[in-house]
Amino acid sequence: MRGPRTLVAVTALAVAAVACSGGERDDVLTVVTHDAFLVSDDVIASFEEQTGIDVRFLTSADVGTLVTEAVLTRDDPTADVLFGIDNTFLSRGLDEELFLPYESPGLANVPTEFQVDDAHRVTPIDYGDVCVNVSRSLTASPPTSFEDLRQPEYSSQWVTQNPETSSPGLAMLLATIAAYGEDGWEDFWIDAADNGVAVTAGWTEAYFGAFVAGGGDRTIVTSYASSPVAEVALAETPIDSPTTSILPDTCFRQIEFAGILANAEHPEAARQFIDFMLTDEFQNDVPLNMFVYPVTSTAVLPAVFVENTTVVESPLRLEPTRIGEMRDEWTARWVELVLR
């Protein structure tokens, strides 16, 4: 999963690798994750002090690459824990038998809507929603739904990402499939292409390039429900409210998971780390570092989240198994329709 966490990486801290070690120890746990992962040093230090386990982080470029590399190294994994697989790639990880089952006691505080794997091969850690975001600089009345994006008054205003190369781009494609069904989504994208939708390779190019936030001329962008929150939290000059808003009816729910890799060298340490990721200490650290939402019912959101979040009551969803079956076919068809 990417977006507001990528916003942090671009505007605050570029994360290439994290090594939180308090000297050499016999117990070393390796966690592999995507390059948008960010957690406070003192939180990892707290886990190390509590357990005597030295935590090392390895990073991969994105979720797709993360899963592919894990599949290729399944018999001799480079890490003990994988963090960052989400529901758009989950079925591949499960089909490839990447993970050891583990039911953490911390799941007692996690709503069942996030526990999508009954075998507990992966553990939900955080979630976020990919949504259409709209700038208040839009001169027309703001759109309220996907249907509005097909209309002439929003011609050449929307920029989205290529689902072949971008996690939010893929989520937006899935959002339209969930909204219009497998018989109707293609017509939407044909109309969007005819209406001048722009396409970038990734989130950064869209948000900080074509979108007005980066000096572009597009007033509508595919981003995250927490992008307005990040805008306020990370503003160099303090602002009272975001200059963007989201369209709740366009939001696709992404859930991010951690799992213990099959053939992990340190499975007991891995179980302890999974447990730690569901504690309030870790969960409360998630929002302002990665601009996603904690999954536990006991976590407390920072005030800036509470004050600037638009609650997505009914996010769009698709079953991970169906995504796994059709992801490549849907993506290839999207390319034919939109990039023709």
Protein backbone atom coordinates (compact mmCIF):
# COMPACT_ATOMS: atom_id res chain seq x y z
CA MET A 1 0.00 0.00 0.00
CA ARG A 2 1.14 3.64 -0.91
CA GLY A 3 0.01 7.27 -1.03
CA PRO A 4 0.06 9.50 2.03
CA ARG A 5 2.93 7.34 3.24
CA THR A 6 4.65 8.13 -0.01
CA LEU A 7 3.77 11.75 0.68
CA VAL A 8 5.80 11.44 3.88
CA ALA A 9 8.67 9.87 1.97
CA VAL A 10 8.68 12.71 -0.55
CA THR A 11 8.24 15.64 1.80
CA ALA A 12 9.76 14.49 5.06
CA LEU A 13 11.96 11.42 4.92
CA ALA A 14 13.02 9.06 2.13
CA VAL A 15 13.12 5.57 3.55
CA ALA A 16 15.56 3.23 1.83
CA ALA A 17 16.36 0.92 4.74
CA VAL A 18 16.02 0.97 8.51
CA ALA A 19 18.43 -0.70 10.88
CA CYS A 20 17.40 -0.46 14.51
CA SER A 21 20.04 -2.46 16.33
CA GLY A 22 21.27 -2.04 19.85
CA GLY A 23 24.51 -3.91 19.22
CA GLU A 24 24.98 -7.48 18.06
CA ARG A 25 22.69 -10.02 19.70
CA ASP A 26 22.11 -13.74 19.29
CA ASP A 27 18.46 -13.08 18.40
CA VAL A 28 18.14 -11.10 15.18
CA LEU A 29 14.78 -10.67 13.49
CA THR A 30 14.67 -9.52 9.87
CA VAL A 31 11.56 -7.78 8.51
CA VAL A 32 11.14 -7.15 4.78
CA THR A 33 8.75 -4.40 3.72
CA HIS A 34 8.05 -1.81 1.03
CA ASP A 35 9.93 1.46 0.69
CA ALA A 36 7.08 3.54 2.13
CA PHE A 37 7.32 1.83 5.53
CA LEU A 38 8.10 4.17 8.39
CA VAL A 39 7.97 3.64 12.14
CA SER A 40 9.48 5.65 14.98
CA ASP A 41 12.93 4.57 16.14
CA ASP A 42 11.87 4.66 19.78
CA VAL A 43 9.00 2.27 19.11
CA ILE A 44 11.33 -0.34 17.60
CA ALA A 45 13.81 0.31 20.40
CA SER A 46 11.05 -0.41 22.91
CA PHE A 47 10.37 -3.81 21.31
CA GLU A 48 14.08 -4.62 21.35
CA GLU A 49 14.38 -3.68 25.01
CA GLN A 50 11.31 -5.72 25.97
CA THR A 51 12.37 -8.85 24.11
CA GLY A 52 16.14 -8.76 23.64
CA ILE A 53 15.53 -9.20 19.90
CA ASP A 54 17.54 -7.12 17.44
CA VAL A 55 15.29 -5.95 14.56
CA ARG A 56 16.67 -5.34 11.06
CA PHE A 57 14.64 -4.03 8.14
CA LEU A 58 15.04 -4.75 4.45
CA THR A 59 13.05 -2.80 1.87
CA SER A 60 11.64 -3.57 -1.55
CA ALA A 61 10.43 -1.09 -4.16
CA ASP A 62 6.68 -1.69 -3.92
CA VAL A 63 4.06 -4.24 -2.93
CA GLY A 64 4.14 -6.14 -6.21
CA THR A 65 7.90 -6.45 -6.16
CA LEU A 66 7.82 -7.33 -2.46
CA VAL A 67 5.53 -10.29 -3.08
CA THR A 68 7.39 -11.43 -6.21
CA GLU A 69 10.72 -11.44 -4.38
CA ALA A 70 9.19 -13.37 -1.49
CA VAL A 71 7.88 -16.01 -3.91
CA LEU A 72 11.30 -16.37 -5.57
CA THR A 73 13.07 -16.80 -2.21
CA ARG A 74 10.38 -18.87 -0.49
CA ASP A 75 12.63 -21.88 0.18
CA ASP A 76 15.43 -19.70 1.58
CA PRO A 77 13.81 -16.41 2.65
CA THR A 78 15.82 -13.27 3.22
CA ALA A 79 13.63 -12.33 6.19
CA ASP A 80 11.45 -13.72 8.96
CA VAL A 81 8.48 -11.37 8.65
CA LEU A 82 6.95 -9.74 5.57
CA PHE A 83 5.01 -6.54 6.18
CA GLY A 84 3.09 -4.71 3.47
CA ILE A 85 1.16 -7.27 1.46
CA ASP A 86 -2.37 -5.94 0.99
CA ASN A 87 -5.69 -7.30 -0.22
CA THR A 88 -4.85 -6.49 -3.86
CA PHE A 89 -1.98 -9.02 -3.81
CA LEU A 90 -3.00 -11.19 -0.85
CA SER A 91 -4.34 -14.13 -2.83
CA ARG A 92 -1.03 -14.55 -4.62
CA GLY A 93 0.86 -14.73 -1.35
CA LEU A 94 -1.58 -17.27 0.06
CA ASP A 95 -1.66 -19.36 -3.12
CA GLU A 96 2.14 -19.49 -3.11
CA GLU A 97 2.08 -20.64 0.55
CA LEU A 98 4.38 -17.84 1.63
CA PHE A 99 3.28 -17.69 5.26
CA LEU A 100 3.13 -19.75 8.45
CA PRO A 101 -0.23 -19.64 10.26
CA TYR A 102 -0.23 -17.66 13.49
CA GLU A 103 -3.21 -16.37 15.45
CA SER A 104 -1.99 -13.50 17.60
CA PRO A 105 -3.77 -12.79 20.90
CA GLY A 106 -3.86 -9.16 19.74
CA LEU A 107 -6.51 -10.07 17.16
CA ALA A 108 -9.04 -9.90 19.98
CA ASN A 109 -8.92 -6.11 19.50
CA VAL A 110 -9.17 -6.22 15.70
CA PRO A 111 -12.65 -6.01 14.11
CA THR A 112 -13.55 -9.07 12.05
CA GLU A 113 -13.92 -6.96 8.87
CA PHE A 114 -10.12 -6.76 8.73
CA GLN A 115 -9.51 -10.47 9.41
CA VAL A 116 -9.99 -11.76 5.89
CA ASP A 117 -7.90 -14.94 6.23
CA ASP A 118 -9.60 -17.48 8.50
CA ALA A 119 -6.39 -19.53 8.65
CA HIS A 120 -4.49 -16.53 10.08
CA ARG A 121 -1.60 -16.85 7.67
CA VAL A 122 -1.46 -13.06 7.67
CA THR A 123 -2.34 -10.54 10.36
CA PRO A 124 -4.03 -7.19 9.59
CA ILE A 125 -1.97 -4.22 10.76
CA ASP A 126 -3.39 -1.07 9.14
CA TYR A 127 -5.82 0.12 6.47
CA GLY A 128 -6.48 3.04 4.17
CA ASP A 129 -8.80 4.05 1.36
CA VAL A 130 -7.85 5.06 -2.18
CA CYS A 131 -10.25 7.76 -3.32
CA VAL A 132 -10.79 10.50 -5.86
CA ASN A 133 -9.46 13.72 -4.28
CA VAL A 134 -10.67 17.15 -5.42
CA SER A 135 -8.97 20.53 -5.03
CA ARG A 136 -11.04 23.41 -3.77
CA SER A 137 -9.54 25.43 -6.61
CA LEU A 138 -11.87 23.63 -9.03
CA THR A 139 -13.97 26.37 -10.64
CA ALA A 140 -16.91 24.09 -11.46
CA SER A 141 -19.14 22.67 -8.76
CA PRO A 142 -17.16 19.79 -7.25
CA PRO A 143 -17.97 16.28 -8.45
CA THR A 144 -19.60 13.89 -6.03
CA SER A 145 -19.29 10.51 -7.75
CA PHE A 146 -17.67 8.49 -10.51
CA GLU A 147 -20.54 9.45 -12.78
CA ASP A 148 -19.53 13.12 -12.59
CA LEU A 149 -16.07 12.30 -13.94
CA ARG A 150 -17.70 11.28 -17.23
CA GLN A 151 -19.24 14.74 -17.66
CA PRO A 152 -17.89 17.53 -19.92
CA GLU A 153 -17.55 20.07 -17.09
CA TYR A 154 -14.72 17.96 -15.65
CA SER A 155 -12.94 17.44 -18.96
CA SER A 156 -9.15 17.17 -18.62
CA GLN A 157 -9.31 17.68 -14.84
CA TRP A 158 -8.66 14.18 -13.50
CA VAL A 159 -5.24 12.54 -13.21
CA THR A 160 -4.92 8.92 -12.11
CA GLN A 161 -2.16 6.30 -12.11
CA ASN A 162 -1.44 3.31 -14.31
CA PRO A 163 -2.57 0.16 -12.47
CA GLU A 164 0.34 -1.75 -14.04
CA THR A 165 2.86 0.38 -12.15
CA SER A 166 1.01 1.96 -9.24
CA SER A 167 -0.74 0.62 -6.14
CA PRO A 168 -3.28 3.48 -5.96
CA GLY A 169 -3.80 3.18 -9.71
CA LEU A 170 -4.66 -0.50 -9.28
CA ALA A 171 -6.94 0.30 -6.34
CA MET A 172 -8.78 2.91 -8.42
CA LEU A 173 -9.30 0.38 -11.21
CA LEU A 174 -10.68 -2.07 -8.65
CA ALA A 175 -12.90 0.67 -7.21
CA THR A 176 -14.58 1.15 -10.57
CA ILE A 177 -15.04 -2.60 -11.01
CA ALA A 178 -16.65 -2.78 -7.56
CA ALA A 179 -18.84 0.23 -8.34
CA TYR A 180 -19.96 -0.67 -11.87
CA GLY A 181 -19.60 -4.43 -11.86
CA GLU A 182 -17.63 -6.59 -14.24
CA ASP A 183 -20.05 -5.74 -17.06
CA GLY A 184 -19.97 -1.96 -16.64
CA TRP A 185 -16.50 -0.80 -15.62
CA GLU A 186 -15.08 -0.78 -19.14
CA ASP A 187 -17.65 1.76 -20.33
CA PHE A 188 -16.69 4.06 -17.46
CA TRP A 189 -13.03 4.08 -18.44
CA ILE A 190 -13.83 4.56 -22.12
CA ASP A 191 -15.80 7.66 -21.15
CA ALA A 192 -13.06 8.83 -18.76
CA ALA A 193 -10.46 8.50 -21.52
CA ASP A 194 -12.67 10.41 -23.92
CA ASN A 195 -13.09 13.06 -21.22
CA GLY A 196 -9.34 13.64 -21.03
CA VAL A 197 -8.21 11.67 -17.97
CA ALA A 198 -4.43 11.89 -17.60
CA VAL A 199 -2.34 8.89 -16.55
CA THR A 200 0.99 8.83 -14.71
CA ALA A 201 3.26 5.95 -13.78
CA GLY A 202 3.02 6.58 -10.06
CA TRP A 203 1.43 8.54 -7.23
CA THR A 204 4.24 11.08 -6.90
CA GLU A 205 4.06 12.09 -10.56
CA ALA A 206 0.30 12.52 -10.28
CA TYR A 207 0.06 14.35 -6.94
CA PHE A 208 3.17 16.49 -7.15
CA GLY A 209 3.25 16.78 -10.93
CA ALA A 210 -0.05 16.99 -12.77
CA PHE A 211 -2.21 17.89 -9.75
CA VAL A 212 -2.42 21.51 -8.59
CA ALA A 213 -0.66 20.59 -5.32
CA GLY A 214 2.55 20.28 -7.31
CA GLY A 215 1.96 23.17 -9.66
CA GLY A 216 0.05 21.23 -12.32
CA ASP A 217 -3.27 22.18 -13.85
CA ARG A 218 -5.36 19.13 -12.87
CA THR A 219 -7.82 19.69 -10.03
CA ILE A 220 -8.88 16.05 -9.48
CA VAL A 221 -6.45 13.28 -8.52
CA THR A 222 -6.45 9.65 -7.44
CA SER A 223 -4.98 9.65 -3.94
CA TYR A 224 -5.97 8.62 -0.41
CA ALA A 225 -8.67 9.41 2.11
CA SER A 226 -5.90 10.58 4.43
CA SER A 227 -4.26 12.89 1.88
CA PRO A 228 -6.18 15.92 3.25
CA VAL A 229 -4.98 14.95 6.73
CA ALA A 230 -1.37 14.76 5.53
CA GLU A 231 -1.78 18.13 3.86
CA VAL A 232 -2.56 19.75 7.22
CA ALA A 233 -0.12 17.69 9.30
CA LEU A 234 2.86 18.27 6.99
CA ALA A 235 2.21 21.87 5.96
CA GLU A 236 5.39 23.96 6.17
CA THR A 237 3.20 26.98 6.90
CA PRO A 238 0.41 25.93 9.27
CA ILE A 239 -3.07 25.74 7.76
CA ASP A 240 -6.38 25.35 9.57
CA SER A 241 -8.00 23.01 7.06
CA PRO A 242 -7.05 21.04 3.94
CA THR A 243 -7.45 22.52 0.48
CA THR A 244 -8.57 19.16 -0.87
CA SER A 245 -11.47 16.84 -0.14
CA ILE A 246 -12.38 13.27 -1.03
CA LEU A 247 -15.36 11.66 -2.77
CA PRO A 248 -16.38 8.94 -0.26
CA ASP A 249 -18.39 7.00 -2.85
CA THR A 250 -15.21 6.39 -4.88
CA CYS A 251 -13.07 4.94 -2.08
CA PHE A 252 -11.57 1.45 -2.28
CA ARG A 253 -10.48 -0.15 1.00
CA GLN A 254 -6.89 -1.43 1.23
CA ILE A 255 -5.92 -3.56 4.23
CA GLU A 256 -2.23 -4.13 4.91
CA PHE A 257 -0.97 -7.33 6.52
CA ALA A 258 2.10 -8.84 8.12
CA GLY A 259 2.98 -12.52 7.93
CA ILE A 260 5.64 -14.92 9.17
CA LEU A 261 7.47 -16.27 6.14
CA ALA A 262 7.56 -20.02 5.64
CA ASN A 263 11.05 -21.35 6.45
CA ALA A 264 11.73 -18.29 8.62
CA GLU A 265 14.92 -18.69 10.64
CA HIS A 266 13.41 -17.09 13.76
CA PRO A 267 9.68 -17.98 13.89
CA GLU A 268 9.31 -17.41 17.65
CA ALA A 269 10.82 -13.92 17.40
CA ALA A 270 8.55 -13.31 14.41
CA ARG A 271 5.49 -14.21 16.46
CA GLN A 272 6.57 -11.76 19.16
CA PHE A 273 6.95 -9.01 16.57
CA ILE A 274 3.50 -9.71 15.10
CA ASP A 275 2.08 -9.44 18.63
CA PHE A 276 3.93 -6.15 19.13
CA MET A 277 2.51 -4.68 15.91
CA LEU A 278 -0.97 -5.06 17.41
CA THR A 279 -0.12 -3.27 20.65
CA ASP A 280 -1.27 0.29 21.27
CA GLU A 281 2.37 1.39 21.26
CA PHE A 282 2.84 0.35 17.63
CA GLN A 283 -0.69 1.05 16.43
CA ASN A 284 -0.71 4.60 17.81
CA ASP A 285 2.55 5.25 15.94
CA VAL A 286 1.09 4.28 12.56
CA PRO A 287 -1.06 7.30 11.58
CA LEU A 288 1.45 10.15 11.60
CA ASN A 289 4.26 8.03 10.17
CA MET A 290 2.50 6.21 7.35
CA PHE A 291 -0.78 8.17 7.13
CA VAL A 292 -2.91 5.07 7.31
CA TYR A 293 -5.32 3.96 10.00
CA PRO A 294 -4.64 1.45 12.81
CA VAL A 295 -6.76 -1.69 12.80
CA THR A 296 -7.18 -2.18 16.54
CA SER A 297 -10.19 -0.87 18.40
CA THR A 298 -7.98 0.31 21.27
CA ALA A 299 -5.72 2.59 19.17
CA VAL A 300 -6.18 6.36 19.50
CA LEU A 301 -6.06 8.61 16.45
CA PRO A 302 -4.09 11.87 16.68
CA ALA A 303 -6.19 15.04 16.81
CA VAL A 304 -5.13 16.09 13.30
CA PHE A 305 -6.66 12.86 11.96
CA VAL A 306 -9.87 13.22 13.92
CA GLU A 307 -10.31 16.85 12.87
CA ASN A 308 -9.54 16.42 9.16
CA THR A 309 -10.74 12.92 8.29
CA THR A 310 -13.79 12.33 6.15
CA VAL A 311 -15.13 9.01 7.37
CA VAL A 312 -15.71 6.49 4.59
CA GLU A 313 -18.81 4.67 5.78
CA SER A 314 -19.15 2.17 2.92
CA PRO A 315 -15.84 1.66 1.11
CA LEU A 316 -15.80 -0.28 -2.13
CA ARG A 317 -14.44 -3.82 -1.83
CA LEU A 318 -13.68 -6.90 -3.89
CA GLU A 319 -12.84 -10.37 -2.63
CA PRO A 320 -9.04 -10.94 -2.61
CA THR A 321 -9.52 -14.26 -4.39
CA ARG A 322 -11.39 -12.57 -7.24
CA ILE A 323 -8.71 -9.89 -7.47
CA GLY A 324 -6.08 -12.61 -7.68
CA GLU A 325 -7.95 -14.41 -10.44
CA MET A 326 -8.60 -11.36 -12.58
CA ARG A 327 -5.97 -8.70 -11.68
CA ASP A 328 -3.74 -9.27 -14.70
CA GLU A 329 -6.65 -9.55 -17.13
CA TRP A 330 -8.36 -6.43 -15.78
CA THR A 331 -5.12 -4.46 -15.88
CA ALA A 332 -4.34 -5.49 -19.44
CA ARG A 333 -7.84 -4.54 -20.55
CA TRP A 334 -7.58 -1.15 -18.77
CA VAL A 335 -4.39 -0.44 -20.73
CA GLU A 336 -6.17 -1.23 -24.00
CA LEU A 337 -9.08 1.07 -23.14
CA VAL A 338 -7.33 4.06 -21.57
CA LEU A 339 -3.88 4.14 -23.17
CA ARG A 340 -5.14 3.30 -26.66
